[in-house]
PDB file of all heavy atoms in Angstrom:
ATOM      1  N   GLY A   1     167.550 -18.565 210.237  1.00  0.00           N
ATOM      2  CA  GLY A   1     167.406 -19.949 210.236  1.00  0.00           C
ATOM      3  C   GLY A   1     166.808 -20.487 209.031  1.00  0.00           C
ATOM      4  O   GLY A   1     167.044 -20.058 207.865  1.00  0.00           O
ATOM      5  N   ASN A   2     165.890 -21.452 209.209  1.00  0.00           N
ATOM      6  CA  ASN A   2     165.182 -22.058 208.082  1.00  0.00           C
ATOM      7  C   ASN A   2     163.798 -21.498 207.779  1.00  0.00           C
ATOM      8  O   ASN A   2     162.993 -22.094 207.030  1.00  0.00           O
ATOM      9  CB  ASN A   2     164.956 -23.534 208.277  1.00  0.00           C
ATOM     10  CG  ASN A   2     166.263 -24.240 208.419  1.00  0.00           C
ATOM     11  OD1 ASN A   2     167.301 -24.106 207.813  1.00  0.00           O
ATOM     12  ND2 ASN A   2     166.385 -25.163 209.457  1.00  0.00           N
ATOM     13  N   ALA A   3     163.510 -20.297 208.456  1.00  0.00           N
ATOM     14  CA  ALA A   3     162.072 -19.749 208.309  1.00  0.00           C
ATOM     15  C   ALA A   3     161.739 -19.447 206.850  1.00  0.00           C
ATOM     16  O   ALA A   3     160.586 -19.758 206.456  1.00  0.00           O
ATOM     17  CB  ALA A   3     162.006 -18.549 209.092  1.00  0.00           C
ATOM     18  N   ALA A   4     162.646 -18.892 206.024  1.00  0.00           N
ATOM     19  CA  ALA A   4     162.218 -18.522 204.640  1.00  0.00           C
ATOM     20  C   ALA A   4     161.900 -19.748 203.809  1.00  0.00           C
ATOM     21  O   ALA A   4     160.938 -19.771 203.136  1.00  0.00           O
ATOM     22  CB  ALA A   4     163.328 -17.680 203.958  1.00  0.00           C
ATOM     23  N   GLU A   5     162.692 -20.802 203.956  1.00  0.00           N
ATOM     24  CA  GLU A   5     162.433 -21.955 203.171  1.00  0.00           C
ATOM     25  C   GLU A   5     161.185 -22.665 203.614  1.00  0.00           C
ATOM     26  O   GLU A   5     160.428 -23.228 202.830  1.00  0.00           O
ATOM     27  CB  GLU A   5     163.650 -22.875 203.186  1.00  0.00           C
ATOM     28  CG  GLU A   5     163.633 -24.090 202.339  1.00  0.00           C
ATOM     29  CD  GLU A   5     164.989 -24.820 202.375  1.00  0.00           C
ATOM     30  OE1 GLU A   5     165.833 -24.555 203.122  1.00  0.00           O
ATOM     31  OE2 GLU A   5     165.049 -25.879 201.623  1.00  0.00           O
ATOM     32  N   ASN A   6     160.963 -22.811 204.998  1.00  0.00           N
ATOM     33  CA  ASN A   6     159.807 -23.380 205.399  1.00  0.00           C
ATOM     34  C   ASN A   6     158.518 -22.592 205.166  1.00  0.00           C
ATOM     35  O   ASN A   6     157.443 -23.291 204.937  1.00  0.00           O
ATOM     36  CB  ASN A   6     159.912 -23.686 206.983  1.00  0.00           C
ATOM     37  CG  ASN A   6     160.980 -24.787 207.220  1.00  0.00           C
ATOM     38  OD1 ASN A   6     161.015 -25.771 206.523  1.00  0.00           O
ATOM     39  ND2 ASN A   6     161.642 -24.681 208.303  1.00  0.00           N
ATOM     40  N   MET A   7     158.629 -21.265 205.207  1.00  0.00           N
ATOM     41  CA  MET A   7     157.519 -20.473 204.881  1.00  0.00           C
ATOM     42  C   MET A   7     157.058 -20.701 203.240  1.00  0.00           C
ATOM     43  O   MET A   7     155.979 -20.656 202.992  1.00  0.00           O
ATOM     44  CB  MET A   7     157.689 -19.050 205.095  1.00  0.00           C
ATOM     45  CG  MET A   7     156.506 -18.110 204.663  1.00  0.00           C
ATOM     46  SD  MET A   7     154.965 -18.495 205.347  1.00  0.00           S
ATOM     47  CE  MET A   7     155.004 -17.827 206.949  1.00  0.00           C
ATOM     48  N   ASN A   8     158.147 -20.899 202.534  1.00  0.00           N
ATOM     49  CA  ASN A   8     157.935 -21.243 201.112  1.00  0.00           C
ATOM     50  C   ASN A   8     157.065 -22.475 200.947  1.00  0.00           C
ATOM     51  O   ASN A   8     156.138 -22.518 200.142  1.00  0.00           O
ATOM     52  CB  ASN A   8     159.214 -21.273 200.360  1.00  0.00           C
ATOM     53  CG  ASN A   8     159.054 -21.579 198.852  1.00  0.00           C
ATOM     54  OD1 ASN A   8     159.021 -22.810 198.472  1.00  0.00           O
ATOM     55  ND2 ASN A   8     158.863 -20.512 198.056  1.00  0.00           N
ATOM     56  N   VAL A   9     157.347 -23.460 201.764  1.00  0.00           N
ATOM     57  CA  VAL A   9     156.555 -24.742 201.688  1.00  0.00           C
ATOM     58  C   VAL A   9     155.057 -24.444 202.183  1.00  0.00           C
ATOM     59  O   VAL A   9     154.156 -24.992 201.578  1.00  0.00           O
ATOM     60  CB  VAL A   9     157.208 -25.763 202.666  1.00  0.00           C
ATOM     61  CG1 VAL A   9     156.276 -27.047 202.652  1.00  0.00           C
ATOM     62  CG2 VAL A   9     158.566 -26.143 202.095  1.00  0.00           C
ATOM     63  N   LEU A  10     154.934 -23.566 203.113  1.00  0.00           N
ATOM     64  CA  LEU A  10     153.595 -23.259 203.682  1.00  0.00           C
ATOM     65  C   LEU A  10     152.821 -22.540 202.529  1.00  0.00           C
ATOM     66  O   LEU A  10     151.620 -22.907 202.352  1.00  0.00           O
ATOM     67  CB  LEU A  10     153.671 -22.270 204.814  1.00  0.00           C
ATOM     68  CG  LEU A  10     154.082 -22.836 206.118  1.00  0.00           C
ATOM     69  CD1 LEU A  10     154.152 -21.758 207.266  1.00  0.00           C
ATOM     70  CD2 LEU A  10     152.940 -23.852 206.727  1.00  0.00           C
ATOM     71  N   ARG A  11     153.497 -21.630 201.828  1.00  0.00           N
ATOM     72  CA  ARG A  11     152.810 -20.949 200.634  1.00  0.00           C
ATOM     73  C   ARG A  11     152.391 -21.923 199.545  1.00  0.00           C
ATOM     74  O   ARG A  11     151.364 -21.844 199.030  1.00  0.00           O
ATOM     75  CB  ARG A  11     153.748 -19.943 200.056  1.00  0.00           C
ATOM     76  CG  ARG A  11     153.990 -18.693 201.002  1.00  0.00           C
ATOM     77  CD  ARG A  11     154.779 -17.657 200.308  1.00  0.00           C
ATOM     78  NE  ARG A  11     155.326 -16.602 201.171  1.00  0.00           N
ATOM     79  CZ  ARG A  11     156.646 -16.643 201.646  1.00  0.00           C
ATOM     80  NH1 ARG A  11     157.605 -17.500 201.056  1.00  0.00           N
ATOM     81  NH2 ARG A  11     157.012 -15.689 202.437  1.00  0.00           N
ATOM     82  N   GLN A  12     153.265 -22.877 199.343  1.00  0.00           N
ATOM     83  CA  GLN A  12     152.902 -23.928 198.209  1.00  0.00           C
ATOM     84  C   GLN A  12     151.763 -24.842 198.729  1.00  0.00           C
ATOM     85  O   GLN A  12     151.042 -25.361 197.880  1.00  0.00           O
ATOM     86  CB  GLN A  12     154.104 -24.673 197.948  1.00  0.00           C
ATOM     87  CG  GLN A  12     155.200 -23.813 197.225  1.00  0.00           C
ATOM     88  CD  GLN A  12     156.306 -24.496 196.515  1.00  0.00           C
ATOM     89  OE1 GLN A  12     156.006 -25.388 195.684  1.00  0.00           O
ATOM     90  NE2 GLN A  12     157.577 -24.133 196.723  1.00  0.00           N
ATOM     91  N   ILE A  13     151.728 -25.177 200.003  1.00  0.00           N
ATOM     92  CA  ILE A  13     150.586 -25.889 200.471  1.00  0.00           C
ATOM     93  C   ILE A  13     149.366 -25.154 200.193  1.00  0.00           C
ATOM     94  O   ILE A  13     148.246 -25.630 199.715  1.00  0.00           O
ATOM     95  CB  ILE A  13     150.632 -26.177 201.999  1.00  0.00           C
ATOM     96  CG1 ILE A  13     151.830 -27.175 202.277  1.00  0.00           C
ATOM     97  CG2 ILE A  13     149.350 -26.733 202.668  1.00  0.00           C
ATOM     98  CD1 ILE A  13     152.214 -27.339 203.662  1.00  0.00           C
ATOM     99  N   GLY A  14     149.341 -23.810 200.649  1.00  0.00           N
ATOM    100  CA  GLY A  14     148.206 -22.908 200.347  1.00  0.00           C
ATOM    101  C   GLY A  14     147.825 -22.721 198.926  1.00  0.00           C
ATOM    102  O   GLY A  14     146.681 -22.893 198.465  1.00  0.00           O
ATOM    103  N   LEU A  15     148.870 -22.615 198.021  1.00  0.00           N
ATOM    104  CA  LEU A  15     148.675 -22.581 196.505  1.00  0.00           C
ATOM    105  C   LEU A  15     147.918 -23.828 196.077  1.00  0.00           C
ATOM    106  O   LEU A  15     146.979 -23.763 195.235  1.00  0.00           O
ATOM    107  CB  LEU A  15     149.992 -22.277 195.903  1.00  0.00           C
ATOM    108  CG  LEU A  15     149.918 -22.031 194.358  1.00  0.00           C
ATOM    109  CD1 LEU A  15     150.920 -21.080 193.972  1.00  0.00           C
ATOM    110  CD2 LEU A  15     150.129 -23.389 193.627  1.00  0.00           C
ATOM    111  N   ASN A  16     148.416 -25.026 196.488  1.00  0.00           N
ATOM    112  CA  ASN A  16     147.905 -26.276 195.974  1.00  0.00           C
ATOM    113  C   ASN A  16     146.394 -26.403 196.404  1.00  0.00           C
ATOM    114  O   ASN A  16     145.606 -26.901 195.573  1.00  0.00           O
ATOM    115  CB  ASN A  16     148.717 -27.417 196.463  1.00  0.00           C
ATOM    116  CG  ASN A  16     150.014 -27.613 195.629  1.00  0.00           C
ATOM    117  OD1 ASN A  16     150.196 -26.977 194.613  1.00  0.00           O
ATOM    118  ND2 ASN A  16     150.843 -28.553 196.078  1.00  0.00           N
ATOM    119  N   LEU A  17     146.156 -26.048 197.667  1.00  0.00           N
ATOM    120  CA  LEU A  17     144.708 -26.172 198.115  1.00  0.00           C
ATOM    121  C   LEU A  17     143.827 -25.263 197.317  1.00  0.00           C
ATOM    122  O   LEU A  17     142.702 -25.685 196.891  1.00  0.00           O
ATOM    123  CB  LEU A  17     144.704 -25.843 199.565  1.00  0.00           C
ATOM    124  CG  LEU A  17     145.158 -26.964 200.524  1.00  0.00           C
ATOM    125  CD1 LEU A  17     145.275 -26.401 201.903  1.00  0.00           C
ATOM    126  CD2 LEU A  17     144.250 -28.201 200.535  1.00  0.00           C
ATOM    127  N   LEU A  18     144.329 -23.998 197.156  1.00  0.00           N
ATOM    128  CA  LEU A  18     143.436 -23.076 196.344  1.00  0.00           C
ATOM    129  C   LEU A  18     143.293 -23.377 194.951  1.00  0.00           C
ATOM    130  O   LEU A  18     142.246 -23.142 194.343  1.00  0.00           O
ATOM    131  CB  LEU A  18     144.094 -21.629 196.490  1.00  0.00           C
ATOM    132  CG  LEU A  18     143.854 -21.070 198.127  1.00  0.00           C
ATOM    133  CD1 LEU A  18     144.839 -19.883 198.234  1.00  0.00           C
ATOM    134  CD2 LEU A  18     142.479 -20.678 198.361  1.00  0.00           C
ATOM    135  N   LYS A  19     144.224 -24.026 194.339  1.00  0.00           N
ATOM    136  CA  LYS A  19     144.238 -24.279 192.995  1.00  0.00           C
ATOM    137  C   LYS A  19     143.289 -25.450 192.710  1.00  0.00           C
ATOM    138  O   LYS A  19     142.579 -25.618 191.707  1.00  0.00           O
ATOM    139  CB  LYS A  19     145.533 -24.818 192.418  1.00  0.00           C
ATOM    140  CG  LYS A  19     146.605 -23.715 192.098  1.00  0.00           C
ATOM    141  CD  LYS A  19     146.289 -22.991 190.787  1.00  0.00           C
ATOM    142  CE  LYS A  19     147.348 -22.083 190.479  1.00  0.00           C
ATOM    143  NZ  LYS A  19     147.082 -21.301 189.114  1.00  0.00           N
ATOM    144  N   GLN A  20     143.053 -26.428 193.792  1.00  0.00           N
ATOM    145  CA  GLN A  20     142.158 -27.457 193.715  1.00  0.00           C
ATOM    146  C   GLN A  20     140.771 -27.048 193.844  1.00  0.00           C
ATOM    147  O   GLN A  20     139.923 -27.768 193.274  1.00  0.00           O
ATOM    148  CB  GLN A  20     142.616 -28.590 194.772  1.00  0.00           C
ATOM    149  CG  GLN A  20     144.009 -29.267 194.580  1.00  0.00           C
ATOM    150  CD  GLN A  20     144.088 -29.902 193.190  1.00  0.00           C
ATOM    151  OE1 GLN A  20     143.563 -30.759 192.800  1.00  0.00           O
ATOM    152  NE2 GLN A  20     145.168 -29.243 192.466  1.00  0.00           N
ATOM    153  N   GLU A  21     140.501 -26.017 194.450  1.00  0.00           N
ATOM    154  CA  GLU A  21     139.089 -25.439 194.528  1.00  0.00           C
ATOM    155  C   GLU A  21     138.846 -24.611 193.373  1.00  0.00           C
ATOM    156  O   GLU A  21     139.372 -23.489 193.212  1.00  0.00           O
ATOM    157  CB  GLU A  21     138.967 -24.659 195.916  1.00  0.00           C
ATOM    158  CG  GLU A  21     137.525 -24.543 196.411  1.00  0.00           C
ATOM    159  CD  GLU A  21     136.593 -23.889 195.450  1.00  0.00           C
ATOM    160  OE1 GLU A  21     136.791 -22.658 195.175  1.00  0.00           O
ATOM    161  OE2 GLU A  21     135.766 -24.536 194.912  1.00  0.00           O
ATOM    162  N   LYS A  22     137.937 -24.999 192.446  1.00  0.00           N
ATOM    163  CA  LYS A  22     137.826 -24.325 191.200  1.00  0.00           C
ATOM    164  C   LYS A  22     136.496 -23.588 191.029  1.00  0.00           C
ATOM    165  O   LYS A  22     136.204 -23.005 189.966  1.00  0.00           O
ATOM    166  CB  LYS A  22     137.918 -25.404 190.034  1.00  0.00           C
ATOM    167  CG  LYS A  22     139.292 -26.107 190.034  1.00  0.00           C
ATOM    168  CD  LYS A  22     139.395 -27.178 188.972  1.00  0.00           C
ATOM    169  CE  LYS A  22     140.648 -27.968 189.061  1.00  0.00           C
ATOM    170  NZ  LYS A  22     141.933 -27.199 189.128  1.00  0.00           N
ATOM    171  N   SER A  23     135.679 -23.575 192.013  1.00  0.00           N
ATOM    172  CA  SER A  23     134.366 -22.991 191.932  1.00  0.00           C
ATOM    173  C   SER A  23     134.463 -21.503 191.965  1.00  0.00           C
ATOM    174  O   SER A  23     133.552 -20.775 191.430  1.00  0.00           O
ATOM    175  CB  SER A  23     133.319 -23.424 192.980  1.00  0.00           C
ATOM    176  OG  SER A  23     133.726 -23.012 194.295  1.00  0.00           O
ATOM    177  N   CYS A  24     135.383 -21.073 192.652  1.00  0.00           N
ATOM    178  CA  CYS A  24     135.535 -19.425 192.843  1.00  0.00           C
ATOM    179  C   CYS A  24     136.466 -18.886 191.695  1.00  0.00           C
ATOM    180  O   CYS A  24     137.632 -19.267 191.735  1.00  0.00           O
ATOM    181  CB  CYS A  24     136.163 -19.133 194.238  1.00  0.00           C
ATOM    182  SG  CYS A  24     136.324 -17.463 194.541  1.00  0.00           S
ATOM    183  N   LYS A  25     135.919 -18.024 190.889  1.00  0.00           N
ATOM    184  CA  LYS A  25     136.654 -17.541 189.843  1.00  0.00           C
ATOM    185  C   LYS A  25     137.386 -16.188 190.107  1.00  0.00           C
ATOM    186  O   LYS A  25     137.057 -15.119 189.730  1.00  0.00           O
ATOM    187  CB  LYS A  25     135.779 -17.274 188.594  1.00  0.00           C
ATOM    188  CG  LYS A  25     135.003 -18.524 188.118  1.00  0.00           C
ATOM    189  CD  LYS A  25     135.951 -19.685 187.828  1.00  0.00           C
ATOM    190  CE  LYS A  25     135.119 -20.925 187.443  1.00  0.00           C
ATOM    191  NZ  LYS A  25     136.104 -22.103 187.137  1.00  0.00           N
ATOM    192  N   MET A  26     138.249 -16.158 191.127  1.00  0.00           N
ATOM    193  CA  MET A  26     138.999 -15.037 191.591  1.00  0.00           C
ATOM    194  C   MET A  26     140.424 -15.360 191.543  1.00  0.00           C
ATOM    195  O   MET A  26     140.878 -16.458 191.351  1.00  0.00           O
ATOM    196  CB  MET A  26     138.675 -14.815 193.091  1.00  0.00           C
ATOM    197  CG  MET A  26     137.364 -14.318 193.408  1.00  0.00           C
ATOM    198  SD  MET A  26     137.252 -14.009 195.250  1.00  0.00           S
ATOM    199  CE  MET A  26     135.603 -13.246 195.329  1.00  0.00           C
ATOM    200  N   GLY A  27     141.276 -14.345 191.630  1.00  0.00           N
ATOM    201  CA  GLY A  27     142.722 -14.369 191.582  1.00  0.00           C
ATOM    202  C   GLY A  27     143.098 -14.996 192.887  1.00  0.00           C
ATOM    203  O   GLY A  27     142.344 -15.032 193.869  1.00  0.00           O
ATOM    204  N   MET A  28     144.380 -15.356 193.003  1.00  0.00           N
ATOM    205  CA  MET A  28     144.798 -16.045 194.196  1.00  0.00           C
ATOM    206  C   MET A  28     144.807 -15.148 195.486  1.00  0.00           C
ATOM    207  O   MET A  28     144.315 -15.606 196.559  1.00  0.00           O
ATOM    208  CB  MET A  28     146.279 -16.664 193.998  1.00  0.00           C
ATOM    209  CG  MET A  28     146.704 -17.532 195.026  1.00  0.00           C
ATOM    210  SD  MET A  28     145.849 -19.108 195.058  1.00  0.00           S
ATOM    211  CE  MET A  28     146.138 -19.812 193.496  1.00  0.00           C
ATOM    212  N   ALA A  29     145.141 -13.875 195.307  1.00  0.00           N
ATOM    213  CA  ALA A  29     145.087 -12.997 196.537  1.00  0.00           C
ATOM    214  C   ALA A  29     143.707 -12.805 197.048  1.00  0.00           C
ATOM    215  O   ALA A  29     143.395 -12.855 198.186  1.00  0.00           O
ATOM    216  CB  ALA A  29     145.724 -11.630 196.106  1.00  0.00           C
ATOM    217  N   ASN A  30     142.738 -12.717 196.211  1.00  0.00           N
ATOM    218  CA  ASN A  30     141.301 -12.528 196.449  1.00  0.00           C
ATOM    219  C   ASN A  30     140.770 -13.932 197.094  1.00  0.00           C
ATOM    220  O   ASN A  30     139.864 -13.908 198.019  1.00  0.00           O
ATOM    221  CB  ASN A  30     140.444 -12.108 195.380  1.00  0.00           C
ATOM    222  CG  ASN A  30     140.703 -10.583 195.131  1.00  0.00           C
ATOM    223  OD1 ASN A  30     140.844  -9.833 196.093  1.00  0.00           O
ATOM    224  ND2 ASN A  30     140.582 -10.235 193.843  1.00  0.00           N
ATOM    225  N   LYS A  31     141.208 -14.926 196.535  1.00  0.00           N
ATOM    226  CA  LYS A  31     140.772 -16.258 197.156  1.00  0.00           C
ATOM    227  C   LYS A  31     141.184 -16.364 198.613  1.00  0.00           C
ATOM    228  O   LYS A  31     140.502 -16.856 199.472  1.00  0.00           O
ATOM    229  CB  LYS A  31     141.310 -17.545 196.337  1.00  0.00           C
ATOM    230  CG  LYS A  31     140.504 -17.803 195.094  1.00  0.00           C
ATOM    231  CD  LYS A  31     141.221 -18.977 194.343  1.00  0.00           C
ATOM    232  CE  LYS A  31     140.093 -19.870 193.827  1.00  0.00           C
ATOM    233  NZ  LYS A  31     140.716 -21.132 193.185  1.00  0.00           N
ATOM    234  N   ARG A  32     142.413 -16.002 198.812  1.00  0.00           N
ATOM    235  CA  ARG A  32     142.965 -15.943 200.227  1.00  0.00           C
ATOM    236  C   ARG A  32     142.160 -15.052 201.152  1.00  0.00           C
ATOM    237  O   ARG A  32     141.841 -15.450 202.217  1.00  0.00           O
ATOM    238  CB  ARG A  32     144.376 -15.532 200.336  1.00  0.00           C
ATOM    239  CG  ARG A  32     145.411 -16.442 199.541  1.00  0.00           C
ATOM    240  CD  ARG A  32     146.792 -15.843 199.528  1.00  0.00           C
ATOM    241  NE  ARG A  32     147.344 -16.018 200.982  1.00  0.00           N
ATOM    242  CZ  ARG A  32     148.327 -15.309 201.377  1.00  0.00           C
ATOM    243  NH1 ARG A  32     149.007 -14.401 200.649  1.00  0.00           N
ATOM    244  NH2 ARG A  32     148.848 -15.405 202.645  1.00  0.00           N
TER     245      ARG A  32
END
């Protein structure tokens, strides 16, 4: 179905939120 495309949107929501938080100097995987 549309699972792959919709999961991609979920990841980009997560990426945008984590990019906006700048106090933690870690890579994206460790921030998660």
